[in-house]
Amino acid sequence: MNKCYSIKLFLLMLFTLVVLLAGGISKKEVKEKMTEYLKNTYNKEFVVEEPVLSGNEGFGYRVYNARAYPVDEPEMSFWLDGR
C-alpha cells in the first residue's frame, strides 16, 4: 500500500468519524421536541419514552420513533415518529 493511499484512507476515516459524532441531534433533544409538540397540539401532558433511531443514517434518512401516552391515560399509548 503506498503512502498517498494510506493518507487518503486515514483522512476519509477521520472525516467519517467527525460527521458521525458531530452530526445530528441527540435522543434527549428528540424526546424534548416530541413532548413539546404533543403538549402544544393537545394541551395535555404526555410521557414520551426513549426514542429509537429507525432510519438509515448512511443515506441521510433519520427517523426517531417513541412510544408516548397521556399522563392521565397510560392505557392510550401510541407510537410517534419524529423526522
N, C-alpha and C. Protein backbone atom coordinates (compact mmCIF):
# COMPACT_ATOMS: atom_id res chain seq x y z
N MET A 1 0.86 -1.17 0.00
CA MET A 1 0.00 0.00 0.00
C MET A 1 0.91 1.24 0.00
N ASN A 2 0.69 2.14 -0.95
CA ASN A 2 1.57 3.30 -0.99
C ASN A 2 1.15 4.34 0.04
N LYS A 3 2.05 5.28 0.29
CA LYS A 3 1.86 6.27 1.34
C LYS A 3 0.69 7.21 1.04
N CYS A 4 0.53 7.60 -0.20
CA CYS A 4 -0.55 8.51 -0.60
C CYS A 4 -1.92 7.87 -0.34
N TYR A 5 -2.05 6.60 -0.69
CA TYR A 5 -3.29 5.86 -0.47
C TYR A 5 -3.60 5.77 1.02
N SER A 6 -2.59 5.49 1.83
CA SER A 6 -2.77 5.39 3.28
C SER A 6 -3.24 6.70 3.88
N ILE A 7 -2.67 7.80 3.42
CA ILE A 7 -3.07 9.12 3.94
C ILE A 7 -4.52 9.42 3.55
N LYS A 8 -4.89 9.14 2.31
CA LYS A 8 -6.26 9.37 1.87
C LYS A 8 -7.26 8.52 2.66
N LEU A 9 -6.91 7.28 2.89
CA LEU A 9 -7.77 6.39 3.66
C LEU A 9 -7.93 6.89 5.09
N PHE A 10 -6.84 7.33 5.70
CA PHE A 10 -6.88 7.86 7.06
C PHE A 10 -7.77 9.10 7.12
N LEU A 11 -7.62 10.02 6.18
CA LEU A 11 -8.42 11.24 6.16
C LEU A 11 -9.90 10.94 5.95
N LEU A 12 -10.19 9.97 5.11
CA LEU A 12 -11.58 9.57 4.89
C LEU A 12 -12.19 9.00 6.17
N MET A 13 -11.46 8.16 6.86
CA MET A 13 -11.95 7.57 8.12
C MET A 13 -12.13 8.66 9.17
N LEU A 14 -11.20 9.61 9.25
CA LEU A 14 -11.30 10.70 10.21
C LEU A 14 -12.52 11.57 9.91
N PHE A 15 -12.73 11.90 8.65
CA PHE A 15 -13.89 12.70 8.25
C PHE A 15 -15.20 11.98 8.60
N THR A 16 -15.26 10.70 8.32
CA THR A 16 -16.46 9.91 8.62
C THR A 16 -16.74 9.91 10.11
N LEU A 17 -15.72 9.75 10.92
CA LEU A 17 -15.88 9.75 12.37
C LEU A 17 -16.39 11.10 12.86
N VAL A 18 -15.84 12.18 12.35
CA VAL A 18 -16.28 13.52 12.75
C VAL A 18 -17.73 13.75 12.38
N VAL A 19 -18.12 13.36 11.18
CA VAL A 19 -19.51 13.54 10.74
C VAL A 19 -20.47 12.74 11.61
N LEU A 20 -20.11 11.51 11.92
CA LEU A 20 -20.99 10.67 12.73
C LEU A 20 -21.11 11.18 14.16
N LEU A 21 -20.03 11.67 14.73
CA LEU A 21 -20.07 12.13 16.12
C LEU A 21 -20.67 13.52 16.26
N ALA A 22 -20.42 14.38 15.31
CA ALA A 22 -20.87 15.77 15.42
C ALA A 22 -22.23 16.02 14.79
N GLY A 23 -22.63 15.20 13.87
CA GLY A 23 -23.87 15.44 13.15
C GLY A 23 -25.10 14.99 13.92
N GLY A 24 -26.21 15.63 13.58
CA GLY A 24 -27.48 15.20 14.12
C GLY A 24 -27.79 15.76 15.49
N ILE A 25 -28.94 15.36 15.99
CA ILE A 25 -29.36 15.81 17.30
C ILE A 25 -29.41 14.61 18.23
N SER A 26 -29.36 14.87 19.50
CA SER A 26 -29.34 13.79 20.47
C SER A 26 -30.75 13.25 20.72
N LYS A 27 -30.80 12.07 21.30
CA LYS A 27 -32.10 11.47 21.64
C LYS A 27 -32.84 12.34 22.65
N LYS A 28 -32.08 12.98 23.53
CA LYS A 28 -32.69 13.86 24.53
C LYS A 28 -33.42 15.02 23.85
N GLU A 29 -32.79 15.61 22.85
CA GLU A 29 -33.42 16.71 22.11
C GLU A 29 -34.66 16.23 21.36
N VAL A 30 -34.57 15.05 20.77
CA VAL A 30 -35.71 14.49 20.05
C VAL A 30 -36.87 14.27 21.01
N LYS A 31 -36.59 13.70 22.16
CA LYS A 31 -37.62 13.44 23.17
C LYS A 31 -38.27 14.75 23.63
N GLU A 32 -37.45 15.78 23.86
CA GLU A 32 -37.98 17.07 24.29
C GLU A 32 -38.88 17.68 23.22
N LYS A 33 -38.47 17.59 21.96
CA LYS A 33 -39.28 18.14 20.87
C LYS A 33 -40.59 17.39 20.70
N MET A 34 -40.54 16.06 20.85
CA MET A 34 -41.77 15.26 20.75
C MET A 34 -42.73 15.63 21.87
N THR A 35 -42.20 15.75 23.09
CA THR A 35 -43.02 16.10 24.25
C THR A 35 -43.64 17.48 24.07
N GLU A 36 -42.85 18.43 23.62
CA GLU A 36 -43.33 19.79 23.40
C GLU A 36 -44.41 19.82 22.31
N TYR A 37 -44.19 19.07 21.23
CA TYR A 37 -45.17 19.02 20.15
C TYR A 37 -46.51 18.49 20.65
N LEU A 38 -46.48 17.39 21.40
CA LEU A 38 -47.73 16.81 21.90
C LEU A 38 -48.44 17.76 22.84
N LYS A 39 -47.69 18.40 23.73
CA LYS A 39 -48.30 19.34 24.67
C LYS A 39 -48.93 20.52 23.94
N ASN A 40 -48.23 21.07 22.96
CA ASN A 40 -48.76 22.22 22.21
C ASN A 40 -49.96 21.83 21.34
N THR A 41 -49.95 20.62 20.81
CA THR A 41 -51.03 20.19 19.92
C THR A 41 -52.29 19.81 20.67
N TYR A 42 -52.15 19.11 21.81
CA TYR A 42 -53.31 18.56 22.51
C TYR A 42 -53.59 19.22 23.86
N ASN A 43 -52.77 20.19 24.27
CA ASN A 43 -52.93 20.86 25.57
C ASN A 43 -53.03 19.87 26.72
N LYS A 44 -52.22 18.82 26.65
CA LYS A 44 -52.16 17.81 27.70
C LYS A 44 -50.70 17.46 27.94
N GLU A 45 -50.43 16.93 29.11
CA GLU A 45 -49.09 16.43 29.42
C GLU A 45 -48.97 15.00 28.91
N PHE A 46 -47.86 14.68 28.29
CA PHE A 46 -47.59 13.34 27.76
C PHE A 46 -46.28 12.81 28.31
N VAL A 47 -46.22 11.50 28.41
CA VAL A 47 -44.98 10.81 28.71
C VAL A 47 -44.46 10.27 27.39
N VAL A 48 -43.24 10.63 27.05
CA VAL A 48 -42.59 10.12 25.84
C VAL A 48 -41.43 9.24 26.28
N GLU A 49 -41.47 7.98 25.88
CA GLU A 49 -40.40 7.05 26.24
C GLU A 49 -39.17 7.31 25.39
N GLU A 50 -38.09 6.60 25.65
CA GLU A 50 -36.81 6.79 24.97
C GLU A 50 -36.96 6.59 23.45
N PRO A 51 -36.61 7.60 22.65
CA PRO A 51 -36.69 7.46 21.19
C PRO A 51 -35.69 6.43 20.66
N VAL A 52 -36.08 5.77 19.58
CA VAL A 52 -35.24 4.77 18.93
C VAL A 52 -35.01 5.23 17.50
N LEU A 53 -33.76 5.24 17.06
CA LEU A 53 -33.44 5.62 15.69
C LEU A 53 -33.75 4.45 14.78
N SER A 54 -34.63 4.68 13.80
CA SER A 54 -35.00 3.58 12.90
C SER A 54 -34.70 3.89 11.44
N GLY A 55 -34.17 5.07 11.16
CA GLY A 55 -33.83 5.42 9.78
C GLY A 55 -32.43 4.94 9.42
N ASN A 56 -32.05 5.18 8.20
CA ASN A 56 -30.74 4.80 7.71
C ASN A 56 -29.87 6.04 7.62
N GLU A 57 -29.04 6.27 8.64
CA GLU A 57 -28.22 7.47 8.68
C GLU A 57 -27.22 7.53 7.54
N GLY A 58 -26.81 6.40 7.03
CA GLY A 58 -25.85 6.37 5.95
C GLY A 58 -26.36 7.06 4.70
N PHE A 59 -27.67 7.09 4.53
CA PHE A 59 -28.27 7.74 3.37
C PHE A 59 -28.94 9.06 3.76
N GLY A 60 -28.66 9.54 4.96
CA GLY A 60 -29.21 10.82 5.41
C GLY A 60 -30.66 10.76 5.80
N TYR A 61 -31.18 9.59 6.10
CA TYR A 61 -32.59 9.41 6.44
C TYR A 61 -32.68 9.03 7.91
N ARG A 62 -33.04 9.99 8.74
CA ARG A 62 -33.14 9.74 10.18
C ARG A 62 -34.60 9.81 10.61
N VAL A 63 -35.06 8.78 11.24
CA VAL A 63 -36.41 8.76 11.81
C VAL A 63 -36.29 8.21 13.22
N TYR A 64 -36.79 8.97 14.16
CA TYR A 64 -36.85 8.50 15.54
C TYR A 64 -38.28 8.12 15.85
N ASN A 65 -38.47 6.99 16.49
CA ASN A 65 -39.78 6.54 16.94
C ASN A 65 -39.77 6.45 18.45
N ALA A 66 -40.89 6.78 19.05
CA ALA A 66 -41.01 6.67 20.50
C ALA A 66 -42.46 6.36 20.86
N ARG A 67 -42.61 5.58 21.89
CA ARG A 67 -43.96 5.31 22.42
C ARG A 67 -44.31 6.48 23.34
N ALA A 68 -45.55 6.94 23.25
CA ALA A 68 -46.00 8.06 24.07
C ALA A 68 -47.41 7.78 24.56
N TYR A 69 -47.78 8.43 25.66
CA TYR A 69 -49.13 8.31 26.19
C TYR A 69 -49.44 9.50 27.09
N PRO A 70 -50.72 9.87 27.20
CA PRO A 70 -51.09 10.96 28.11
C PRO A 70 -50.81 10.55 29.55
N VAL A 71 -50.38 11.50 30.36
CA VAL A 71 -50.06 11.22 31.76
C VAL A 71 -51.26 10.62 32.48
N ASP A 72 -52.45 11.14 32.20
CA ASP A 72 -53.65 10.68 32.91
C ASP A 72 -54.32 9.47 32.26
N GLU A 73 -53.80 8.99 31.12
CA GLU A 73 -54.36 7.83 30.43
C GLU A 73 -53.25 6.94 29.87
N PRO A 74 -52.50 6.25 30.72
CA PRO A 74 -51.38 5.45 30.23
C PRO A 74 -51.80 4.29 29.32
N GLU A 75 -53.06 3.88 29.39
CA GLU A 75 -53.52 2.78 28.53
C GLU A 75 -53.71 3.24 27.08
N MET A 76 -53.65 4.53 26.82
CA MET A 76 -53.82 5.09 25.48
C MET A 76 -52.47 5.35 24.80
N SER A 77 -51.59 4.37 24.83
CA SER A 77 -50.26 4.59 24.25
C SER A 77 -50.29 4.49 22.73
N PHE A 78 -49.36 5.16 22.10
CA PHE A 78 -49.24 5.16 20.64
C PHE A 78 -47.79 5.41 20.28
N TRP A 79 -47.47 5.17 19.00
CA TRP A 79 -46.11 5.41 18.50
C TRP A 79 -46.07 6.76 17.80
N LEU A 80 -45.00 7.46 18.02
CA LEU A 80 -44.80 8.79 17.46
C LEU A 80 -43.55 8.78 16.60
N ASP A 81 -43.64 9.33 15.41
CA ASP A 81 -42.47 9.46 14.52
C ASP A 81 -41.94 10.88 14.61
N GLY A 82 -40.65 11.00 14.71
CA GLY A 82 -40.01 12.31 14.70
C GLY A 82 -38.98 12.36 13.60
N ARG A 83 -39.19 13.16 12.62
CA ARG A 83 -38.27 13.25 11.47
C ARG A 83 -37.53 14.55 11.50
